[in-house]
Amino acid sequence: MLERYLRRNVDGTLSKISRELIATSATDPLAGNVTSLQGQMVFSDFQRGCTSCAAGVTRSVSGVQVNPFLVGVGGGNYTQNGIDISVINVPISTSFNVDSNDPRKKLFVNGQFNYVAVGNAESYQGGLGIGYLHPINDHWSLTPGLSYGIIGSPDLVSAGQIFSASITSNYGVNVNDYSLSMANMFGYYKTLPLNVGDVDSDPDISNYVLKNGFFVGKNLPYDVLGHKLNLMGFFTDTEFFGSKVFSRQYNEIGFQIGTIEDVAWLKKVSFGMADKISFSAKYIFSIEDPNNLEGYDLGISYQF
């Protein structure tokens, strides 16, 4: 009887419990922490808006750009409030030209599947996003975008969905042999009502997110074992406003290294499909969160 009472959200009880967990729990799979659906959507939206920052993908806002199809796999381990959480990501993205007279204008489509484990409890996340890169001038571009994500976790008895709208500004300049970029994202993230089977819930969580990042890369490639590589370092800050969430601030510091030209051995082992490869690593921490948030994330992606 109690299970039916909660599942049917009588008097909004299940929604109230969900809101309280998002505000106080380091492991809620829907929102409120770095490994939640909301947190992973923020990562994905910012990455989509920063495509022109990424070494080995596009190297300037004003240059001629290709439309790669990217498939990656990554994973990380986080400690939040003394609890260990593991994440595996599988991102996919591509882009399309929208103006034959200006190849800088792009339509980006990205998807992501995430697997999150908290002890023996598992949750599954899926998402799809779309964005449009519009150059303002040779140094500055804007990328508005929309995303949708869904979460399911039988172990944590949780399910939900989130819609987001964001816009990312990216400004880049060259200083001697280095390229410097500053990216600023403003996003709105809102949970949506969910009615699946006999489960009815709407935690009604809405957050405004500010994410700012600095990127430093070298214009002249490094030559390592006959391969020309781009190296980029970055630092970001993420802030949440609106509904109360467990983690309201965190930072990332890391690097990305990628090949510029086609890699012969990669084409061979991928039967001629993959052309380039990149590797990324980052450390995540919080300077304001009293819940001792820290973690790391490693990723590898292939360009087709």
C-alpha atoms as a PDB file:
ATOM      1  CA  MET A   1       0.000   0.000   0.000  1.00  0.00           C
ATOM      2  CA  LEU A   2       2.841   2.376   0.822  1.00  0.00           C
ATOM      3  CA  GLU A   3       4.566   1.548  -2.488  1.00  0.00           C
ATOM      4  CA  ARG A   4       1.372   2.278  -4.447  1.00  0.00           C
ATOM      5  CA  TYR A   5       0.892   5.499  -2.480  1.00  0.00           C
ATOM      6  CA  LEU A   6       4.378   6.713  -3.431  1.00  0.00           C
ATOM      7  CA  ARG A   7       4.291   5.532  -7.040  1.00  0.00           C
ATOM      8  CA  ARG A   8       1.007   7.339  -7.684  1.00  0.00           C
ATOM      9  CA  ASN A   9       2.423  10.513  -6.115  1.00  0.00           C
ATOM     10  CA  VAL A  10      -0.629  10.965  -3.899  1.00  0.00           C
ATOM     11  CA  ASP A  11      -0.688  14.516  -2.488  1.00  0.00           C
ATOM     12  CA  GLY A  12       2.595  15.107  -4.337  1.00  0.00           C
ATOM     13  CA  THR A  13       4.504  12.988  -1.789  1.00  0.00           C
ATOM     14  CA  LEU A  14       6.901  11.402  -4.314  1.00  0.00           C
ATOM     15  CA  SER A  15       7.648  14.810  -5.871  1.00  0.00           C
ATOM     16  CA  LYS A  16       8.425  16.266  -2.443  1.00  0.00           C
ATOM     17  CA  ILE A  17      10.775  13.376  -1.657  1.00  0.00           C
ATOM     18  CA  SER A  18      12.516  13.839  -5.034  1.00  0.00           C
ATOM     19  CA  ARG A  19      13.042  17.558  -4.427  1.00  0.00           C
ATOM     20  CA  GLU A  20      14.522  16.894  -0.997  1.00  0.00           C
ATOM     21  CA  LEU A  21      16.883  14.218  -2.358  1.00  0.00           C
ATOM     22  CA  ILE A  22      18.097  16.551  -5.130  1.00  0.00           C
ATOM     23  CA  ALA A  23      18.851  19.185  -2.498  1.00  0.00           C
ATOM     24  CA  THR A  24      20.569  16.911   0.023  1.00  0.00           C
ATOM     25  CA  SER A  25      21.795  13.742  -1.701  1.00  0.00           C
ATOM     26  CA  ALA A  26      25.163  13.309  -3.402  1.00  0.00           C
ATOM     27  CA  THR A  27      23.839  10.372  -5.407  1.00  0.00           C
ATOM     28  CA  ASP A  28      20.437  11.435  -6.751  1.00  0.00           C
ATOM     29  CA  PRO A  29      20.478  10.303 -10.418  1.00  0.00           C
ATOM     30  CA  LEU A  30      18.194  13.058 -11.755  1.00  0.00           C
ATOM     31  CA  ALA A  31      19.748  16.342 -10.620  1.00  0.00           C
ATOM     32  CA  GLY A  32      21.776  18.137  -7.988  1.00  0.00           C
ATOM     33  CA  ASN A  33      25.252  16.656  -8.418  1.00  0.00           C
ATOM     34  CA  VAL A  34      27.995  16.225 -11.017  1.00  0.00           C
ATOM     35  CA  THR A  35      27.104  12.633 -11.959  1.00  0.00           C
ATOM     36  CA  SER A  36      23.348  13.247 -12.199  1.00  0.00           C
ATOM     37  CA  LEU A  37      21.540  13.643 -15.526  1.00  0.00           C
ATOM     38  CA  GLN A  38      21.462  17.403 -14.993  1.00  0.00           C
ATOM     39  CA  GLY A  39      25.207  17.550 -14.297  1.00  0.00           C
ATOM     40  CA  GLN A  40      26.087  15.429 -17.331  1.00  0.00           C
ATOM     41  CA  MET A  41      23.843  17.547 -19.577  1.00  0.00           C
ATOM     42  CA  VAL A  42      25.697  20.676 -18.454  1.00  0.00           C
ATOM     43  CA  PHE A  43      29.002  19.038 -19.457  1.00  0.00           C
ATOM     44  CA  SER A  44      27.597  18.005 -22.842  1.00  0.00           C
ATOM     45  CA  ASP A  45      25.986  21.372 -23.634  1.00  0.00           C
ATOM     46  CA  PHE A  46      29.166  23.279 -22.819  1.00  0.00           C
ATOM     47  CA  GLN A  47      31.284  20.910 -24.892  1.00  0.00           C
ATOM     48  CA  ARG A  48      28.955  21.359 -27.872  1.00  0.00           C
ATOM     49  CA  GLY A  49      29.197  25.135 -27.576  1.00  0.00           C
ATOM     50  CA  CYS A  50      32.986  24.952 -27.281  1.00  0.00           C
ATOM     51  CA  THR A  51      33.619  22.868 -30.381  1.00  0.00           C
ATOM     52  CA  SER A  52      35.651  25.704 -31.890  1.00  0.00           C
ATOM     53  CA  CYS A  53      37.847  25.655 -28.769  1.00  0.00           C
ATOM     54  CA  ALA A  54      38.780  22.005 -29.112  1.00  0.00           C
ATOM     55  CA  ALA A  55      42.222  21.040 -30.352  1.00  0.00           C
ATOM     56  CA  GLY A  56      42.167  18.583 -33.208  1.00  0.00           C
ATOM     57  CA  VAL A  57      38.556  19.360 -34.169  1.00  0.00           C
ATOM     58  CA  THR A  58      38.457  22.966 -35.359  1.00  0.00           C
ATOM     59  CA  ARG A  59      41.351  25.282 -34.749  1.00  0.00           C
ATOM     60  CA  SER A  60      39.826  28.708 -35.297  1.00  0.00           C
ATOM     61  CA  VAL A  61      36.474  30.387 -35.641  1.00  0.00           C
ATOM     62  CA  SER A  62      37.469  31.945 -38.946  1.00  0.00           C
ATOM     63  CA  GLY A  63      39.301  29.011 -40.575  1.00  0.00           C
ATOM     64  CA  VAL A  64      37.920  26.448 -42.986  1.00  0.00           C
ATOM     65  CA  GLN A  65      36.401  23.681 -40.908  1.00  0.00           C
ATOM     66  CA  VAL A  66      35.551  20.061 -41.623  1.00  0.00           C
ATOM     67  CA  ASN A  67      32.487  18.191 -40.409  1.00  0.00           C
ATOM     68  CA  PRO A  68      33.827  15.198 -38.499  1.00  0.00           C
ATOM     69  CA  PHE A  69      31.729  12.413 -37.056  1.00  0.00           C
ATOM     70  CA  LEU A  70      33.053  11.838 -33.538  1.00  0.00           C
ATOM     71  CA  VAL A  71      32.544   8.792 -31.323  1.00  0.00           C
ATOM     72  CA  GLY A  72      34.123   8.586 -27.904  1.00  0.00           C
ATOM     73  CA  VAL A  73      34.234   6.628 -24.699  1.00  0.00           C
ATOM     74  CA  GLY A  74      35.177   7.980 -21.308  1.00  0.00           C
ATOM     75  CA  GLY A  75      34.957   7.242 -17.650  1.00  0.00           C
ATOM     76  CA  GLY A  76      35.559   8.762 -14.288  1.00  0.00           C
ATOM     77  CA  ASN A  77      35.385   8.284 -10.565  1.00  0.00           C
ATOM     78  CA  TYR A  78      33.984  10.876  -8.169  1.00  0.00           C
ATOM     79  CA  THR A  79      33.814  11.256  -4.419  1.00  0.00           C
ATOM     80  CA  GLN A  80      30.862  13.282  -3.158  1.00  0.00           C
ATOM     81  CA  ASN A  81      30.132  13.557   0.545  1.00  0.00           C
ATOM     82  CA  GLY A  82      32.364  10.523   1.121  1.00  0.00           C
ATOM     83  CA  ILE A  83      30.509   8.356  -1.422  1.00  0.00           C
ATOM     84  CA  ASP A  84      32.316   6.868  -4.442  1.00  0.00           C
ATOM     85  CA  ILE A  85      30.511   7.126  -7.786  1.00  0.00           C
ATOM     86  CA  SER A  86      31.696   5.739 -11.140  1.00  0.00           C
ATOM     87  CA  VAL A  87      30.591   6.993 -14.560  1.00  0.00           C
ATOM     88  CA  ILE A  88      31.035   5.647 -18.102  1.00  0.00           C
ATOM     89  CA  ASN A  89      30.194   7.983 -21.023  1.00  0.00           C
ATOM     90  CA  VAL A  90      29.663   7.238 -24.706  1.00  0.00           C
ATOM     91  CA  PRO A  91      29.316  10.571 -26.587  1.00  0.00           C
ATOM     92  CA  ILE A  92      28.512  10.857 -30.308  1.00  0.00           C
ATOM     93  CA  SER A  93      28.481  14.064 -32.330  1.00  0.00           C
ATOM     94  CA  THR A  94      28.565  15.439 -35.858  1.00  0.00           C
ATOM     95  CA  SER A  95      28.001  18.715 -37.671  1.00  0.00           C
ATOM     96  CA  PHE A  96      26.555  20.035 -40.912  1.00  0.00           C
ATOM     97  CA  ASN A  97      27.163  23.127 -43.022  1.00  0.00           C
ATOM     98  CA  VAL A  98      24.132  25.402 -43.196  1.00  0.00           C
ATOM     99  CA  ASP A  99      25.479  28.157 -45.466  1.00  0.00           C
ATOM    100  CA  SER A 100      27.458  27.362 -48.618  1.00  0.00           C
ATOM    101  CA  ASN A 101      28.840  30.912 -48.614  1.00  0.00           C
ATOM    102  CA  ASP A 102      30.115  30.710 -45.039  1.00  0.00           C
ATOM    103  CA  PRO A 103      31.516  27.310 -43.923  1.00  0.00           C
ATOM    104  CA  ARG A 104      31.877  28.628 -40.379  1.00  0.00           C
ATOM    105  CA  LYS A 105      28.116  28.358 -39.806  1.00  0.00           C
ATOM    106  CA  LYS A 106      27.387  24.909 -38.416  1.00  0.00           C
ATOM    107  CA  LEU A 107      24.521  22.826 -37.136  1.00  0.00           C
ATOM    108  CA  PHE A 108      25.719  20.468 -34.400  1.00  0.00           C
ATOM    109  CA  VAL A 109      23.929  17.301 -33.320  1.00  0.00           C
ATOM    110  CA  ASN A 110      25.161  15.359 -30.306  1.00  0.00           C
ATOM    111  CA  GLY A 111      23.990  12.405 -28.272  1.00  0.00           C
ATOM    112  CA  GLN A 112      25.278  10.726 -25.137  1.00  0.00           C
ATOM    113  CA  PHE A 113      24.701   7.570 -23.157  1.00  0.00           C
ATOM    114  CA  ASN A 114      25.897   7.426 -19.547  1.00  0.00           C
ATOM    115  CA  TYR A 115      26.128   4.569 -17.086  1.00  0.00           C
ATOM    116  CA  VAL A 116      26.429   5.535 -13.421  1.00  0.00           C
ATOM    117  CA  ALA A 117      27.204   3.150 -10.549  1.00  0.00           C
ATOM    118  CA  VAL A 118      26.873   3.950  -6.847  1.00  0.00           C
ATOM    119  CA  GLY A 119      28.011   0.818  -5.080  1.00  0.00           C
ATOM    120  CA  ASN A 120      25.789  -1.924  -6.505  1.00  0.00           C
ATOM    121  CA  ALA A 121      23.102   0.557  -7.600  1.00  0.00           C
ATOM    122  CA  GLU A 122      23.026   1.377 -11.306  1.00  0.00           C
ATOM    123  CA  SER A 123      21.390   4.143 -13.333  1.00  0.00           C
ATOM    124  CA  TYR A 124      21.213   4.830 -17.050  1.00  0.00           C
ATOM    125  CA  GLN A 125      21.109   8.213 -18.792  1.00  0.00           C
ATOM    126  CA  GLY A 126      20.452   9.123 -22.407  1.00  0.00           C
ATOM    127  CA  GLY A 127      20.383  12.480 -24.126  1.00  0.00           C
ATOM    128  CA  LEU A 128      20.156  14.291 -27.443  1.00  0.00           C
ATOM    129  CA  GLY A 129      21.092  17.877 -28.260  1.00  0.00           C
ATOM    130  CA  ILE A 130      21.231  20.295 -31.169  1.00  0.00           C
ATOM    131  CA  GLY A 131      23.090  23.584 -31.547  1.00  0.00           C
ATOM    132  CA  TYR A 132      23.813  26.225 -34.163  1.00  0.00           C
ATOM    133  CA  LEU A 133      27.202  27.953 -34.372  1.00  0.00           C
ATOM    134  CA  HIS A 134      26.904  31.490 -35.700  1.00  0.00           C
ATOM    135  CA  PRO A 135      30.087  33.547 -36.201  1.00  0.00           C
ATOM    136  CA  ILE A 136      29.822  37.192 -35.146  1.00  0.00           C
ATOM    137  CA  ASN A 137      33.268  38.012 -36.539  1.00  0.00           C
ATOM    138  CA  ASP A 138      36.622  36.291 -37.116  1.00  0.00           C
ATOM    139  CA  HIS A 139      37.186  35.875 -33.362  1.00  0.00           C
ATOM    140  CA  TRP A 140      33.756  35.577 -31.765  1.00  0.00           C
ATOM    141  CA  SER A 141      30.952  33.031 -32.208  1.00  0.00           C
ATOM    142  CA  LEU A 142      27.646  32.251 -30.493  1.00  0.00           C
ATOM    143  CA  THR A 143      26.098  28.791 -30.211  1.00  0.00           C
ATOM    144  CA  PRO A 144      22.486  28.523 -28.975  1.00  0.00           C
ATOM    145  CA  GLY A 145      21.261  25.006 -28.334  1.00  0.00           C
ATOM    146  CA  LEU A 146      18.493  22.744 -27.016  1.00  0.00           C
ATOM    147  CA  SER A 147      18.850  19.395 -25.237  1.00  0.00           C
ATOM    148  CA  TYR A 148      16.712  16.646 -23.783  1.00  0.00           C
ATOM    149  CA  GLY A 149      17.767  13.938 -21.343  1.00  0.00           C
ATOM    150  CA  ILE A 150      16.113  10.992 -19.596  1.00  0.00           C
ATOM    151  CA  ILE A 151      17.173   8.884 -16.608  1.00  0.00           C
ATOM    152  CA  GLY A 152      16.104   5.487 -15.342  1.00  0.00           C
ATOM    153  CA  SER A 153      17.320   3.632 -12.269  1.00  0.00           C
ATOM    154  CA  PRO A 154      15.436   0.572 -10.995  1.00  0.00           C
ATOM    155  CA  ASP A 155      18.007   0.173  -8.191  1.00  0.00           C
ATOM    156  CA  LEU A 156      17.486   3.732  -6.922  1.00  0.00           C
ATOM    157  CA  VAL A 157      13.767   3.666  -7.773  1.00  0.00           C
ATOM    158  CA  SER A 158      14.161   6.814  -9.845  1.00  0.00           C
ATOM    159  CA  ALA A 159      13.110   8.028 -13.283  1.00  0.00           C
ATOM    160  CA  GLY A 160      12.882  11.493 -14.793  1.00  0.00           C
ATOM    161  CA  GLN A 161      13.510  13.774 -17.709  1.00  0.00           C
ATOM    162  CA  ILE A 162      15.092  17.195 -18.199  1.00  0.00           C
ATOM    163  CA  PHE A 163      14.881  19.850 -20.910  1.00  0.00           C
ATOM    164  CA  SER A 164      17.581  22.480 -21.354  1.00  0.00           C
ATOM    165  CA  ALA A 165      18.162  25.607 -23.417  1.00  0.00           C
ATOM    166  CA  SER A 166      21.583  27.233 -23.523  1.00  0.00           C
ATOM    167  CA  ILE A 167      23.726  29.733 -25.369  1.00  0.00           C
ATOM    168  CA  THR A 168      27.522  29.676 -25.434  1.00  0.00           C
ATOM    169  CA  SER A 169      29.785  32.561 -26.375  1.00  0.00           C
ATOM    170  CA  ASN A 170      33.288  31.713 -27.566  1.00  0.00           C
ATOM    171  CA  TYR A 171      35.939  34.372 -28.173  1.00  0.00           C
ATOM    172  CA  GLY A 172      39.404  33.399 -29.407  1.00  0.00           C
ATOM    173  CA  VAL A 173      42.605  35.267 -30.276  1.00  0.00           C
ATOM    174  CA  ASN A 174      46.172  34.383 -31.245  1.00  0.00           C
ATOM    175  CA  VAL A 175      49.043  35.614 -29.084  1.00  0.00           C
ATOM    176  CA  ASN A 176      52.418  34.843 -30.637  1.00  0.00           C
ATOM    177  CA  ASP A 177      52.480  31.048 -31.068  1.00  0.00           C
ATOM    178  CA  TYR A 178      49.478  30.410 -28.816  1.00  0.00           C
ATOM    179  CA  SER A 179      45.711  30.531 -29.208  1.00  0.00           C
ATOM    180  CA  LEU A 180      43.604  31.746 -26.305  1.00  0.00           C
ATOM    181  CA  SER A 181      39.848  31.198 -26.015  1.00  0.00           C
ATOM    182  CA  MET A 182      37.247  32.244 -23.462  1.00  0.00           C
ATOM    183  CA  ALA A 183      33.887  30.461 -23.433  1.00  0.00           C
ATOM    184  CA  ASN A 184      30.831  31.513 -21.420  1.00  0.00           C
ATOM    185  CA  MET A 185      27.629  29.459 -21.269  1.00  0.00           C
ATOM    186  CA  PHE A 186      24.281  30.423 -19.803  1.00  0.00           C
ATOM    187  CA  GLY A 187      21.763  27.596 -19.575  1.00  0.00           C
ATOM    188  CA  TYR A 188      18.317  26.825 -18.205  1.00  0.00           C
ATOM    189  CA  TYR A 189      17.611  23.272 -16.954  1.00  0.00           C
ATOM    190  CA  LYS A 190      14.076  22.161 -16.074  1.00  0.00           C
ATOM    191  CA  THR A 191      12.751  18.781 -14.959  1.00  0.00           C
ATOM    192  CA  LEU A 192       9.615  17.626 -16.783  1.00  0.00           C
ATOM    193  CA  PRO A 193       6.641  15.665 -15.436  1.00  0.00           C
ATOM    194  CA  LEU A 194       7.004  11.920 -15.945  1.00  0.00           C
ATOM    195  CA  ASN A 195       4.286   9.319 -16.033  1.00  0.00           C
ATOM    196  CA  VAL A 196       5.604   5.829 -16.766  1.00  0.00           C
ATOM    197  CA  GLY A 197       3.361   2.896 -15.929  1.00  0.00           C
ATOM    198  CA  ASP A 198       2.073   3.514 -12.428  1.00  0.00           C
ATOM    199  CA  VAL A 199       4.856   5.983 -11.553  1.00  0.00           C
ATOM    200  CA  ASP A 200       3.826   9.642 -11.596  1.00  0.00           C
ATOM    201  CA  SER A 201       6.303  12.305 -10.468  1.00  0.00           C
ATOM    202  CA  ASP A 202       7.264  15.907 -11.085  1.00  0.00           C
ATOM    203  CA  PRO A 203       9.985  17.277  -8.750  1.00  0.00           C
ATOM    204  CA  ASP A 204       9.656  20.673 -10.505  1.00  0.00           C
ATOM    205  CA  ILE A 205      13.372  21.537 -10.375  1.00  0.00           C
ATOM    206  CA  SER A 206      14.610  24.483 -12.440  1.00  0.00           C
ATOM    207  CA  ASN A 207      18.125  25.877 -12.460  1.00  0.00           C
ATOM    208  CA  TYR A 208      20.043  28.598 -14.226  1.00  0.00           C
ATOM    209  CA  VAL A 209      23.635  27.569 -14.881  1.00  0.00           C
ATOM    210  CA  LEU A 210      26.674  29.728 -15.606  1.00  0.00           C
ATOM    211  CA  LYS A 211      29.726  27.906 -16.927  1.00  0.00           C
ATOM    212  CA  ASN A 212      32.875  29.825 -17.858  1.00  0.00           C
ATOM    213  CA  GLY A 213      36.080  28.413 -19.296  1.00  0.00           C
ATOM    214  CA  PHE A 214      39.549  29.425 -20.468  1.00  0.00           C
ATOM    215  CA  PHE A 215      41.428  27.444 -23.128  1.00  0.00           C
ATOM    216  CA  VAL A 216      45.094  27.696 -24.127  1.00  0.00           C
ATOM    217  CA  GLY A 217      46.559  25.908 -27.146  1.00  0.00           C
ATOM    218  CA  LYS A 218      49.683  26.054 -29.265  1.00  0.00           C
ATOM    219  CA  ASN A 219      49.253  27.033 -32.919  1.00  0.00           C
ATOM    220  CA  LEU A 220      52.352  25.161 -34.068  1.00  0.00           C
ATOM    221  CA  PRO A 221      51.821  21.401 -33.674  1.00  0.00           C
ATOM    222  CA  TYR A 222      54.072  19.118 -31.677  1.00  0.00           C
ATOM    223  CA  ASP A 223      55.838  16.359 -33.598  1.00  0.00           C
ATOM    224  CA  VAL A 224      55.790  13.136 -31.566  1.00  0.00           C
ATOM    225  CA  LEU A 225      56.926   9.846 -33.147  1.00  0.00           C
ATOM    226  CA  GLY A 226      56.091  11.155 -36.579  1.00  0.00           C
ATOM    227  CA  HIS A 227      52.603  12.357 -35.595  1.00  0.00           C
ATOM    228  CA  LYS A 228      51.589  16.021 -35.494  1.00  0.00           C
ATOM    229  CA  LEU A 229      49.647  16.750 -32.324  1.00  0.00           C
ATOM    230  CA  ASN A 230      47.616  19.646 -30.951  1.00  0.00           C
ATOM    231  CA  LEU A 231      47.699  20.230 -27.186  1.00  0.00           C
ATOM    232  CA  MET A 232      45.148  22.313 -25.318  1.00  0.00           C
ATOM    233  CA  GLY A 233      44.783  23.081 -21.611  1.00  0.00           C
ATOM    234  CA  PHE A 234      41.611  24.375 -19.977  1.00  0.00           C
ATOM    235  CA  PHE A 235      40.028  25.577 -16.737  1.00  0.00           C
ATOM    236  CA  THR A 236      36.284  25.959 -16.103  1.00  0.00           C
ATOM    237  CA  ASP A 237      33.966  27.154 -13.340  1.00  0.00           C
ATOM    238  CA  THR A 238      30.314  26.047 -13.040  1.00  0.00           C
ATOM    239  CA  GLU A 239      27.680  27.754 -10.882  1.00  0.00           C
ATOM    240  CA  PHE A 240      24.037  26.730 -10.248  1.00  0.00           C
ATOM    241  CA  PHE A 241      21.222  29.130  -9.313  1.00  0.00           C
ATOM    242  CA  GLY A 242      17.519  28.567  -8.721  1.00  0.00           C
ATOM    243  CA  SER A 243      16.189  25.398  -7.088  1.00  0.00           C
ATOM    244  CA  LYS A 244      18.269  24.074  -4.225  1.00  0.00           C
ATOM    245  CA  VAL A 245      20.722  21.396  -5.348  1.00  0.00           C
ATOM    246  CA  PHE A 246      23.393  19.415  -3.523  1.00  0.00           C
ATOM    247  CA  SER A 247      26.400  20.727  -5.515  1.00  0.00           C
ATOM    248  CA  ARG A 248      26.085  24.387  -6.466  1.00  0.00           C
ATOM    249  CA  GLN A 249      29.651  24.982  -7.678  1.00  0.00           C
ATOM    250  CA  TYR A 250      32.607  23.058  -9.088  1.00  0.00           C
ATOM    251  CA  ASN A 251      35.705  23.540 -11.232  1.00  0.00           C
ATOM    252  CA  GLU A 252      37.526  21.497 -13.867  1.00  0.00           C
ATOM    253  CA  ILE A 253      41.167  21.633 -14.903  1.00  0.00           C
ATOM    254  CA  GLY A 254      42.593  19.431 -17.618  1.00  0.00           C
ATOM    255  CA  PHE A 255      43.996  19.006 -21.092  1.00  0.00           C
ATOM    256  CA  GLN A 256      43.206  17.518 -24.487  1.00  0.00           C
ATOM    257  CA  ILE A 257      45.687  16.208 -27.026  1.00  0.00           C
ATOM    258  CA  GLY A 258      44.745  15.152 -30.551  1.00  0.00           C
ATOM    259  CA  THR A 259      46.222  14.262 -33.909  1.00  0.00           C
ATOM    260  CA  ILE A 260      45.968  16.794 -36.740  1.00  0.00           C
ATOM    261  CA  GLU A 261      46.563  14.522 -39.716  1.00  0.00           C
ATOM    262  CA  ASP A 262      45.204  11.079 -40.522  1.00  0.00           C
ATOM    263  CA  VAL A 263      46.867   8.304 -38.515  1.00  0.00           C
ATOM    264  CA  ALA A 264      47.984   5.360 -40.649  1.00  0.00           C
ATOM    265  CA  TRP A 265      47.812   2.691 -37.929  1.00  0.00           C
ATOM    266  CA  LEU A 266      44.403   3.948 -36.780  1.00  0.00           C
ATOM    267  CA  LYS A 267      42.988   3.704 -40.290  1.00  0.00           C
ATOM    268  CA  LYS A 268      44.394   0.193 -40.527  1.00  0.00           C
ATOM    269  CA  VAL A 269      42.913  -1.125 -37.275  1.00  0.00           C
ATOM    270  CA  SER A 270      39.568   0.597 -37.969  1.00  0.00           C
ATOM    271  CA  PHE A 271      39.405  -0.797 -41.507  1.00  0.00           C
ATOM    272  CA  GLY A 272      39.786   2.652 -43.014  1.00  0.00           C
ATOM    273  CA  MET A 273      36.968   4.280 -41.015  1.00  0.00           C
ATOM    274  CA  ALA A 274      38.678   6.338 -38.276  1.00  0.00           C
ATOM    275  CA  ASP A 275      41.067   9.110 -39.313  1.00  0.00           C
ATOM    276  CA  LYS A 276      42.096  10.953 -36.145  1.00  0.00           C
ATOM    277  CA  ILE A 277      42.215  10.317 -32.419  1.00  0.00           C
ATOM    278  CA  SER A 278      42.206  12.528 -29.327  1.00  0.00           C
ATOM    279  CA  PHE A 279      42.652  11.978 -25.600  1.00  0.00           C
ATOM    280  CA  SER A 280      41.423  14.130 -22.720  1.00  0.00           C
ATOM    281  CA  ALA A 281      41.842  14.164 -18.947  1.00  0.00           C
ATOM    282  CA  LYS A 282      40.424  16.443 -16.279  1.00  0.00           C
ATOM    283  CA  TYR A 283      40.282  16.829 -12.515  1.00  0.00           C
ATOM    284  CA  ILE A 284      37.050  18.094 -10.941  1.00  0.00           C
ATOM    285  CA  PHE A 285      36.815  19.774  -7.555  1.00  0.00           C
ATOM    286  CA  SER A 286      34.858  22.403  -5.651  1.00  0.00           C
ATOM    287  CA  ILE A 287      36.154  25.446  -3.804  1.00  0.00           C
ATOM    288  CA  GLU A 288      32.776  26.276  -2.213  1.00  0.00           C
ATOM    289  CA  ASP A 289      30.965  22.983  -1.785  1.00  0.00           C
ATOM    290  CA  PRO A 290      31.380  21.800   1.829  1.00  0.00           C
ATOM    291  CA  ASN A 291      30.660  18.209   0.770  1.00  0.00           C
ATOM    292  CA  ASN A 292      34.224  17.441  -0.402  1.00  0.00           C
ATOM    293  CA  LEU A 293      33.520  17.017  -4.116  1.00  0.00           C
ATOM    294  CA  GLU A 294      36.433  15.786  -6.211  1.00  0.00           C
ATOM    295  CA  GLY A 295      36.987  13.387  -9.082  1.00  0.00           C
ATOM    296  CA  TYR A 296      38.686  12.710 -12.367  1.00  0.00           C
ATOM    297  CA  ASP A 297      37.557  11.920 -15.883  1.00  0.00           C
ATOM    298  CA  LEU A 298      39.428  10.344 -18.808  1.00  0.00           C
ATOM    299  CA  GLY A 299      38.215  10.132 -22.380  1.00  0.00           C
ATOM    300  CA  ILE A 300      39.244   9.063 -25.867  1.00  0.00           C
ATOM    301  CA  SER A 301      37.476   9.948 -29.129  1.00  0.00           C
ATOM    302  CA  TYR A 302      37.776   8.931 -32.760  1.00  0.00           C
ATOM    303  CA  GLN A 303      37.082  11.074 -35.791  1.00  0.00           C
ATOM    304  CA  PHE A 304      35.505   9.459 -38.848  1.00  0.00           C
END
